[in-house]
């Protein structure tokens, strides 16, 4: 994996995680946490959404990647908040 693609994954993950943090209030994990959650969310949603028949294409690869990261990060944040509450 090239340095450029790693940087793009970090930026897309950060934007997706940040947007998810805005949508799911009260579950902020800081900038590093949002980047990690965004990247994990992008991986999760890029596998899960097509399996469910819910894949989408925004016409622009960057926008689609950010949307996938955001949707996946929302799922991860909700799951993490449920685990926090269980404790």
C-alpha atoms as a PDB file:
ATOM      1  CA  UNK A   1       0.000   0.000   0.000  1.00  0.00           C
ATOM      2  CA  UNK A   2       1.466   3.339  -0.995  1.00  0.00           C
ATOM      3  CA  UNK A   3       1.889   6.328   1.273  1.00  0.00           C
ATOM      4  CA  UNK A   4      -0.683   8.222  -0.771  1.00  0.00           C
ATOM      5  CA  UNK A   5      -3.378   5.564  -0.345  1.00  0.00           C
ATOM      6  CA  UNK A   6      -2.692   5.348   3.402  1.00  0.00           C
ATOM      7  CA  UNK A   7      -3.059   9.135   3.664  1.00  0.00           C
ATOM      8  CA  UNK A   8      -6.300   9.061   1.688  1.00  0.00           C
ATOM      9  CA  UNK A   9      -7.669   6.256   3.911  1.00  0.00           C
ATOM     10  CA  UNK A  10      -6.821   8.325   7.006  1.00  0.00           C
ATOM     11  CA  UNK A  11      -8.500  11.424   5.595  1.00  0.00           C
ATOM     12  CA  UNK A  12     -11.609   9.542   4.441  1.00  0.00           C
ATOM     13  CA  UNK A  13     -11.795   7.689   7.763  1.00  0.00           C
ATOM     14  CA  UNK A  14     -11.384  10.926   9.687  1.00  0.00           C
ATOM     15  CA  UNK A  15     -14.117  12.682   7.738  1.00  0.00           C
ATOM     16  CA  UNK A  16     -16.458   9.688   8.012  1.00  0.00           C
ATOM     17  CA  UNK A  17     -15.782   9.335  11.739  1.00  0.00           C
ATOM     18  CA  UNK A  18     -16.200  13.063  12.325  1.00  0.00           C
ATOM     19  CA  UNK A  19     -19.529  13.113  10.468  1.00  0.00           C
ATOM     20  CA  UNK A  20     -20.700  10.058  12.410  1.00  0.00           C
ATOM     21  CA  UNK A  21     -19.692  11.782  15.658  1.00  0.00           C
ATOM     22  CA  UNK A  22     -21.855  14.751  14.674  1.00  0.00           C
ATOM     23  CA  UNK A  23     -24.820  12.543  13.857  1.00  0.00           C
ATOM     24  CA  UNK A  24     -24.548  10.344  16.960  1.00  0.00           C
ATOM     25  CA  UNK A  25     -24.324  12.985  19.677  1.00  0.00           C
ATOM     26  CA  UNK A  26     -22.539  12.334  22.943  1.00  0.00           C
ATOM     27  CA  UNK A  27     -20.289   9.578  21.628  1.00  0.00           C
ATOM     28  CA  UNK A  28     -17.174  11.477  20.626  1.00  0.00           C
ATOM     29  CA  UNK A  29     -13.864   9.628  20.721  1.00  0.00           C
ATOM     30  CA  UNK A  30     -11.514  12.483  19.770  1.00  0.00           C
ATOM     31  CA  UNK A  31      -9.778  12.961  16.446  1.00  0.00           C
ATOM     32  CA  UNK A  32      -7.682   9.778  16.602  1.00  0.00           C
ATOM     33  CA  UNK A  33     -10.634   7.737  17.804  1.00  0.00           C
ATOM     34  CA  UNK A  34     -12.826   9.161  15.049  1.00  0.00           C
ATOM     35  CA  UNK A  35     -10.221   8.266  12.413  1.00  0.00           C
ATOM     36  CA  UNK A  36      -9.957   4.707  13.723  1.00  0.00           C
ATOM     37  CA  UNK A  37     -13.734   4.358  13.977  1.00  0.00           C
ATOM     38  CA  UNK A  38     -14.134   5.840  10.481  1.00  0.00           C
ATOM     39  CA  UNK A  39     -11.640   3.366   8.990  1.00  0.00           C
ATOM     40  CA  UNK A  40     -13.219   0.423  10.823  1.00  0.00           C
ATOM     41  CA  UNK A  41     -16.637   1.696   9.776  1.00  0.00           C
ATOM     42  CA  UNK A  42     -15.584   1.939   6.139  1.00  0.00           C
ATOM     43  CA  UNK A  43     -14.343  -1.640   6.215  1.00  0.00           C
ATOM     44  CA  UNK A  44     -17.497  -2.817   7.960  1.00  0.00           C
ATOM     45  CA  UNK A  45     -19.942  -1.013   5.709  1.00  0.00           C
ATOM     46  CA  UNK A  46     -18.106  -1.859   2.468  1.00  0.00           C
ATOM     47  CA  UNK A  47     -18.668  -5.525   3.346  1.00  0.00           C
ATOM     48  CA  UNK A  48     -22.029  -5.333   5.152  1.00  0.00           C
ATOM     49  CA  UNK A  49     -24.089  -3.008   2.950  1.00  0.00           C
ATOM     50  CA  UNK A  50     -23.631  -4.972  -0.315  1.00  0.00           C
ATOM     51  CA  UNK A  51     -24.414  -8.198   1.602  1.00  0.00           C
ATOM     52  CA  UNK A  52     -27.729  -6.641   2.615  1.00  0.00           C
ATOM     53  CA  UNK A  53     -28.363  -5.298  -0.889  1.00  0.00           C
ATOM     54  CA  UNK A  54     -28.009  -1.705   0.347  1.00  0.00           C
ATOM     55  CA  UNK A  55     -24.856  -0.687  -1.511  1.00  0.00           C
ATOM     56  CA  UNK A  56     -24.915   2.738  -3.108  1.00  0.00           C
ATOM     57  CA  UNK A  57     -22.876   4.827  -5.508  1.00  0.00           C
ATOM     58  CA  UNK A  58     -22.839   8.611  -5.216  1.00  0.00           C
ATOM     59  CA  UNK A  59     -21.221   8.976  -8.632  1.00  0.00           C
ATOM     60  CA  UNK A  60     -17.924  10.129  -7.151  1.00  0.00           C
ATOM     61  CA  UNK A  61     -15.561   7.564  -5.619  1.00  0.00           C
ATOM     62  CA  UNK A  62     -14.401   9.931  -2.869  1.00  0.00           C
ATOM     63  CA  UNK A  63     -17.935  10.900  -1.837  1.00  0.00           C
ATOM     64  CA  UNK A  64     -19.020   7.251  -1.912  1.00  0.00           C
ATOM     65  CA  UNK A  65     -16.043   6.275   0.256  1.00  0.00           C
ATOM     66  CA  UNK A  66     -16.857   9.005   2.774  1.00  0.00           C
ATOM     67  CA  UNK A  67     -20.519   7.928   2.881  1.00  0.00           C
ATOM     68  CA  UNK A  68     -19.536   4.294   3.432  1.00  0.00           C
ATOM     69  CA  UNK A  69     -17.130   5.350   6.191  1.00  0.00           C
ATOM     70  CA  UNK A  70     -19.810   7.503   7.808  1.00  0.00           C
ATOM     71  CA  UNK A  71     -22.499   4.802   7.742  1.00  0.00           C
ATOM     72  CA  UNK A  72     -20.081   2.205   9.062  1.00  0.00           C
ATOM     73  CA  UNK A  73     -18.775   4.572  11.742  1.00  0.00           C
ATOM     74  CA  UNK A  74     -22.343   5.242  12.891  1.00  0.00           C
ATOM     75  CA  UNK A  75     -22.852   1.487  13.257  1.00  0.00           C
ATOM     76  CA  UNK A  76     -19.568   1.138  15.188  1.00  0.00           C
ATOM     77  CA  UNK A  77     -20.340   4.121  17.451  1.00  0.00           C
ATOM     78  CA  UNK A  78     -23.813   2.784  18.264  1.00  0.00           C
ATOM     79  CA  UNK A  79     -22.378  -0.654  19.040  1.00  0.00           C
ATOM     80  CA  UNK A  80     -19.648   0.871  21.233  1.00  0.00           C
ATOM     81  CA  UNK A  81     -22.179   2.988  23.111  1.00  0.00           C
ATOM     82  CA  UNK A  82     -24.302  -0.126  23.750  1.00  0.00           C
ATOM     83  CA  UNK A  83     -21.239  -1.899  25.153  1.00  0.00           C
ATOM     84  CA  UNK A  84     -20.475   1.120  27.357  1.00  0.00           C
ATOM     85  CA  UNK A  85     -24.017   1.117  28.739  1.00  0.00           C
ATOM     86  CA  UNK A  86     -23.859  -2.596  29.505  1.00  0.00           C
ATOM     87  CA  UNK A  87     -20.979  -1.964  31.887  1.00  0.00           C
END
